[in-house]
Amino acid sequence: MKRLTDAEADAEARRKELEEEKPPPPTPSDIPPNTLAELHALRAENTNLKREQRLMASAFHDQASRLQYSSATLQRRGEQQPASWLGKQRRIVEGNLGLGRR
């Protein structure tokens, strides 16, 4: 077994004392009725705030990816490239037929 040093033993003893001093958390039956209503309201608000945070994070990610995509498009040569599948297919057909854009 590993033997604790004096400092470690003192720290462990202090930690145990602190744990013993803490009162246990209240159970729902210990909470007064008006506080229960407040508790439910706070939990509902917390749920709404978490949902809003997820939405903001997804919006930020979407905006950043669009910005990155648009800057990558601008870095290409002066020719504008279609983004949709149909536009790309039209570009391929025009290139094969030698029509090109005028």
N, C-alpha and C. Protein backbone atom coordinates (compact mmCIF):
# COMPACT_ATOMS: atom_id res chain seq x y z
N MET A 1 0.83 -1.19 0.00
CA MET A 1 0.00 0.00 0.00
C MET A 1 0.87 1.25 0.00
N LYS A 2 0.31 2.27 -0.58
CA LYS A 2 1.04 3.54 -0.63
C LYS A 2 0.82 4.29 0.68
N ARG A 3 1.90 4.76 1.25
CA ARG A 3 1.80 5.49 2.51
C ARG A 3 1.68 6.99 2.21
N LEU A 4 0.72 7.63 2.85
CA LEU A 4 0.49 9.05 2.64
C LEU A 4 1.50 9.87 3.42
N THR A 5 1.93 10.97 2.82
CA THR A 5 2.80 11.89 3.55
C THR A 5 1.94 12.66 4.54
N ASP A 6 2.59 13.40 5.44
CA ASP A 6 1.86 14.17 6.45
C ASP A 6 0.93 15.19 5.80
N ALA A 7 1.41 15.87 4.75
CA ALA A 7 0.60 16.90 4.09
C ALA A 7 -0.61 16.27 3.41
N GLU A 8 -0.39 15.13 2.76
CA GLU A 8 -1.50 14.45 2.09
C GLU A 8 -2.52 13.94 3.11
N ALA A 9 -2.02 13.43 4.22
CA ALA A 9 -2.91 12.93 5.28
C ALA A 9 -3.73 14.08 5.87
N ASP A 10 -3.10 15.24 6.08
CA ASP A 10 -3.81 16.41 6.60
C ASP A 10 -4.87 16.87 5.62
N ALA A 11 -4.52 16.89 4.34
CA ALA A 11 -5.47 17.32 3.32
C ALA A 11 -6.65 16.36 3.25
N GLU A 12 -6.38 15.07 3.34
CA GLU A 12 -7.45 14.07 3.31
C GLU A 12 -8.35 14.21 4.53
N ALA A 13 -7.79 14.45 5.68
CA ALA A 13 -8.59 14.63 6.89
C ALA A 13 -9.45 15.88 6.79
N ARG A 14 -8.90 16.96 6.26
CA ARG A 14 -9.66 18.21 6.10
C ARG A 14 -10.81 18.02 5.11
N ARG A 15 -10.56 17.28 4.02
CA ARG A 15 -11.59 17.02 3.03
C ARG A 15 -12.75 16.24 3.65
N LYS A 16 -12.42 15.25 4.47
CA LYS A 16 -13.45 14.47 5.14
C LYS A 16 -14.26 15.32 6.11
N GLU A 17 -13.59 16.24 6.82
CA GLU A 17 -14.29 17.14 7.73
C GLU A 17 -15.27 18.02 6.98
N LEU A 18 -14.83 18.55 5.84
CA LEU A 18 -15.69 19.42 5.04
C LEU A 18 -16.90 18.66 4.51
N GLU A 19 -16.69 17.42 4.10
CA GLU A 19 -17.80 16.61 3.61
C GLU A 19 -18.82 16.36 4.70
N GLU A 20 -18.35 16.14 5.91
CA GLU A 20 -19.25 15.88 7.02
C GLU A 20 -20.02 17.14 7.42
N GLU A 21 -19.44 18.33 7.22
CA GLU A 21 -20.09 19.57 7.60
C GLU A 21 -21.22 19.94 6.64
N LYS A 22 -21.15 19.50 5.39
CA LYS A 22 -22.15 19.89 4.41
C LYS A 22 -23.49 19.24 4.72
N PRO A 23 -24.54 20.04 4.75
CA PRO A 23 -25.86 19.44 4.93
C PRO A 23 -26.29 18.76 3.64
N PRO A 24 -27.11 17.74 3.72
CA PRO A 24 -27.56 17.08 2.50
C PRO A 24 -28.46 18.01 1.70
N PRO A 25 -28.51 17.85 0.38
CA PRO A 25 -29.37 18.71 -0.44
C PRO A 25 -30.83 18.45 -0.09
N PRO A 26 -31.68 19.47 -0.21
CA PRO A 26 -33.08 19.28 0.14
C PRO A 26 -33.79 18.37 -0.86
N THR A 27 -34.69 17.58 -0.37
CA THR A 27 -35.51 16.74 -1.24
C THR A 27 -36.75 17.52 -1.62
N PRO A 28 -37.45 17.13 -2.69
CA PRO A 28 -38.64 17.89 -3.09
C PRO A 28 -39.68 18.01 -1.99
N SER A 29 -39.77 17.05 -1.08
CA SER A 29 -40.76 17.16 0.00
C SER A 29 -40.36 18.22 1.02
N ASP A 30 -39.06 18.58 1.08
CA ASP A 30 -38.59 19.60 2.02
C ASP A 30 -38.80 21.02 1.49
N ILE A 31 -39.07 21.15 0.20
CA ILE A 31 -39.19 22.46 -0.43
C ILE A 31 -40.64 22.95 -0.29
N PRO A 32 -40.84 24.19 0.15
CA PRO A 32 -42.21 24.72 0.25
C PRO A 32 -42.88 24.78 -1.12
N PRO A 33 -44.21 24.75 -1.17
CA PRO A 33 -44.94 24.72 -2.44
C PRO A 33 -44.64 25.89 -3.36
N ASN A 34 -44.54 27.12 -2.81
CA ASN A 34 -44.27 28.26 -3.68
C ASN A 34 -42.87 28.15 -4.29
N THR A 35 -41.95 27.56 -3.57
CA THR A 35 -40.60 27.37 -4.10
C THR A 35 -40.60 26.30 -5.18
N LEU A 36 -41.45 25.29 -5.05
CA LEU A 36 -41.56 24.27 -6.10
C LEU A 36 -42.01 24.88 -7.41
N ALA A 37 -42.96 25.79 -7.35
CA ALA A 37 -43.42 26.47 -8.56
C ALA A 37 -42.28 27.27 -9.18
N GLU A 38 -41.53 27.95 -8.32
CA GLU A 38 -40.38 28.71 -8.81
C GLU A 38 -39.35 27.77 -9.42
N LEU A 39 -39.15 26.63 -8.79
CA LEU A 39 -38.20 25.65 -9.29
C LEU A 39 -38.60 25.16 -10.68
N HIS A 40 -39.88 24.86 -10.86
CA HIS A 40 -40.35 24.40 -12.17
C HIS A 40 -40.21 25.51 -13.22
N ALA A 41 -40.49 26.74 -12.82
CA ALA A 41 -40.35 27.86 -13.75
C ALA A 41 -38.89 28.05 -14.15
N LEU A 42 -37.99 27.92 -13.18
CA LEU A 42 -36.56 28.06 -13.49
C LEU A 42 -36.06 26.93 -14.38
N ARG A 43 -36.56 25.72 -14.14
CA ARG A 43 -36.16 24.60 -15.00
C ARG A 43 -36.66 24.80 -16.43
N ALA A 44 -37.89 25.31 -16.58
CA ALA A 44 -38.43 25.58 -17.91
C ALA A 44 -37.61 26.67 -18.61
N GLU A 45 -37.26 27.71 -17.85
CA GLU A 45 -36.43 28.78 -18.42
C GLU A 45 -35.06 28.24 -18.82
N ASN A 46 -34.50 27.38 -17.98
CA ASN A 46 -33.20 26.79 -18.28
C ASN A 46 -33.27 25.97 -19.57
N THR A 47 -34.34 25.19 -19.73
CA THR A 47 -34.53 24.40 -20.95
C THR A 47 -34.61 25.31 -22.17
N ASN A 48 -35.37 26.41 -22.04
CA ASN A 48 -35.49 27.35 -23.16
C ASN A 48 -34.15 28.00 -23.49
N LEU A 49 -33.39 28.34 -22.48
CA LEU A 49 -32.08 28.97 -22.71
C LEU A 49 -31.11 27.98 -23.36
N LYS A 50 -31.16 26.72 -22.96
CA LYS A 50 -30.30 25.72 -23.61
C LYS A 50 -30.67 25.56 -25.08
N ARG A 51 -31.98 25.56 -25.38
CA ARG A 51 -32.43 25.45 -26.76
C ARG A 51 -31.95 26.65 -27.57
N GLU A 52 -32.07 27.84 -26.98
CA GLU A 52 -31.62 29.05 -27.66
C GLU A 52 -30.11 29.01 -27.91
N GLN A 53 -29.37 28.50 -26.94
CA GLN A 53 -27.91 28.40 -27.10
C GLN A 53 -27.56 27.45 -28.24
N ARG A 54 -28.27 26.32 -28.33
CA ARG A 54 -28.02 25.39 -29.44
C ARG A 54 -28.35 26.02 -30.78
N LEU A 55 -29.46 26.77 -30.84
CA LEU A 55 -29.84 27.44 -32.08
C LEU A 55 -28.81 28.49 -32.48
N MET A 56 -28.32 29.25 -31.51
CA MET A 56 -27.31 30.27 -31.81
C MET A 56 -26.01 29.62 -32.30
N ALA A 57 -25.63 28.51 -31.68
CA ALA A 57 -24.41 27.82 -32.11
C ALA A 57 -24.57 27.28 -33.52
N SER A 58 -25.73 26.72 -33.83
CA SER A 58 -25.93 26.19 -35.18
C SER A 58 -25.99 27.32 -36.20
N ALA A 59 -26.60 28.46 -35.83
CA ALA A 59 -26.65 29.60 -36.75
C ALA A 59 -25.25 30.16 -36.98
N PHE A 60 -24.45 30.22 -35.92
CA PHE A 60 -23.08 30.69 -36.07
C PHE A 60 -22.28 29.77 -36.98
N HIS A 61 -22.46 28.45 -36.80
CA HIS A 61 -21.75 27.49 -37.63
C HIS A 61 -22.19 27.63 -39.09
N ASP A 62 -23.49 27.77 -39.32
CA ASP A 62 -24.01 27.91 -40.67
C ASP A 62 -23.47 29.18 -41.33
N GLN A 63 -23.48 30.28 -40.58
CA GLN A 63 -22.99 31.54 -41.13
C GLN A 63 -21.49 31.45 -41.44
N ALA A 64 -20.73 30.83 -40.57
CA ALA A 64 -19.28 30.71 -40.80
C ALA A 64 -18.99 29.83 -42.01
N SER A 65 -19.76 28.74 -42.17
CA SER A 65 -19.51 27.88 -43.33
C SER A 65 -19.92 28.58 -44.63
N ARG A 66 -20.99 29.37 -44.59
CA ARG A 66 -21.37 30.13 -45.79
C ARG A 66 -20.32 31.17 -46.14
N LEU A 67 -19.80 31.84 -45.13
CA LEU A 67 -18.77 32.83 -45.37
C LEU A 67 -17.52 32.18 -45.95
N GLN A 68 -17.16 31.03 -45.40
CA GLN A 68 -15.98 30.32 -45.92
C GLN A 68 -16.22 29.87 -47.35
N TYR A 69 -17.42 29.38 -47.65
CA TYR A 69 -17.74 28.92 -49.00
C TYR A 69 -17.71 30.08 -49.98
N SER A 70 -18.29 31.23 -49.58
CA SER A 70 -18.33 32.37 -50.50
C SER A 70 -16.93 32.94 -50.74
N SER A 71 -16.08 32.94 -49.71
CA SER A 71 -14.73 33.44 -49.93
C SER A 71 -13.92 32.48 -50.80
N ALA A 72 -14.19 31.19 -50.69
CA ALA A 72 -13.51 30.23 -51.56
C ALA A 72 -13.96 30.42 -53.00
N THR A 73 -15.23 30.75 -53.20
CA THR A 73 -15.74 31.00 -54.55
C THR A 73 -15.09 32.24 -55.14
N LEU A 74 -14.91 33.28 -54.33
CA LEU A 74 -14.31 34.51 -54.82
C LEU A 74 -12.84 34.33 -55.19
N GLN A 75 -12.19 33.35 -54.60
CA GLN A 75 -10.77 33.14 -54.88
C GLN A 75 -10.55 32.47 -56.23
N ARG A 76 -11.58 31.89 -56.78
CA ARG A 76 -11.43 31.27 -58.10
C ARG A 76 -11.18 32.35 -59.14
N ARG A 77 -10.82 31.90 -60.32
CA ARG A 77 -10.60 32.87 -61.39
C ARG A 77 -11.87 33.67 -61.61
N GLY A 78 -11.81 34.70 -62.40
CA GLY A 78 -12.92 35.62 -62.59
C GLY A 78 -14.21 34.96 -63.06
N GLU A 79 -14.16 33.73 -63.53
CA GLU A 79 -15.35 33.07 -64.05
C GLU A 79 -16.25 32.63 -62.91
N GLN A 80 -17.54 32.93 -63.04
CA GLN A 80 -18.48 32.56 -61.99
C GLN A 80 -18.91 31.12 -62.18
N GLN A 81 -18.85 30.34 -61.11
CA GLN A 81 -19.21 28.93 -61.16
C GLN A 81 -20.60 28.74 -60.57
N PRO A 82 -21.45 27.93 -61.22
CA PRO A 82 -22.77 27.66 -60.65
C PRO A 82 -22.65 26.78 -59.40
N ALA A 83 -23.55 27.01 -58.45
CA ALA A 83 -23.51 26.25 -57.21
C ALA A 83 -24.48 25.08 -57.23
N SER A 84 -25.56 25.18 -58.01
CA SER A 84 -26.56 24.11 -58.01
C SER A 84 -26.14 22.98 -58.94
N TRP A 85 -26.72 21.81 -58.73
CA TRP A 85 -26.41 20.65 -59.56
C TRP A 85 -26.83 20.92 -61.00
N LEU A 86 -28.02 21.51 -61.20
CA LEU A 86 -28.51 21.78 -62.54
C LEU A 86 -27.61 22.78 -63.26
N GLY A 87 -27.17 23.81 -62.53
CA GLY A 87 -26.27 24.80 -63.13
C GLY A 87 -24.95 24.18 -63.55
N LYS A 88 -24.43 23.26 -62.74
CA LYS A 88 -23.18 22.58 -63.10
C LYS A 88 -23.37 21.70 -64.33
N GLN A 89 -24.52 21.03 -64.41
CA GLN A 89 -24.78 20.18 -65.58
C GLN A 89 -24.92 21.03 -66.84
N ARG A 90 -25.58 22.17 -66.72
CA ARG A 90 -25.68 23.07 -67.88
C ARG A 90 -24.30 23.54 -68.33
N ARG A 91 -23.44 23.84 -67.36
CA ARG A 91 -22.08 24.29 -67.69
C ARG A 91 -21.31 23.19 -68.43
N ILE A 92 -21.48 21.94 -68.00
CA ILE A 92 -20.81 20.82 -68.66
C ILE A 92 -21.31 20.65 -70.08
N VAL A 93 -22.64 20.71 -70.27
CA VAL A 93 -23.23 20.54 -71.60
C VAL A 93 -22.81 21.68 -72.51
N GLU A 94 -22.83 22.92 -72.01
CA GLU A 94 -22.42 24.05 -72.80
C GLU A 94 -20.95 23.92 -73.24
N GLY A 95 -20.13 23.41 -72.32
CA GLY A 95 -18.71 23.23 -72.64
C GLY A 95 -18.53 22.16 -73.71
N ASN A 96 -19.30 21.07 -73.63
CA ASN A 96 -19.17 20.00 -74.61
C ASN A 96 -19.70 20.43 -75.98
N LEU A 97 -20.71 21.28 -76.00
CA LEU A 97 -21.28 21.73 -77.26
C LEU A 97 -20.55 22.95 -77.82
N GLY A 98 -19.68 23.53 -77.03
CA GLY A 98 -18.92 24.69 -77.48
C GLY A 98 -19.76 25.96 -77.51
N LEU A 99 -20.85 26.00 -76.78
CA LEU A 99 -21.70 27.17 -76.79
C LEU A 99 -21.13 28.30 -75.94
N GLY A 100 -20.79 28.00 -74.72
CA GLY A 100 -20.23 29.02 -73.83
C GLY A 100 -21.22 30.13 -73.54
N ARG A 101 -20.91 30.96 -72.62
CA ARG A 101 -21.77 32.10 -72.26
C ARG A 101 -21.35 33.33 -73.05
N ARG A 102 -22.33 34.09 -73.42
CA ARG A 102 -22.03 35.32 -74.18
C ARG A 102 -22.43 36.52 -73.42
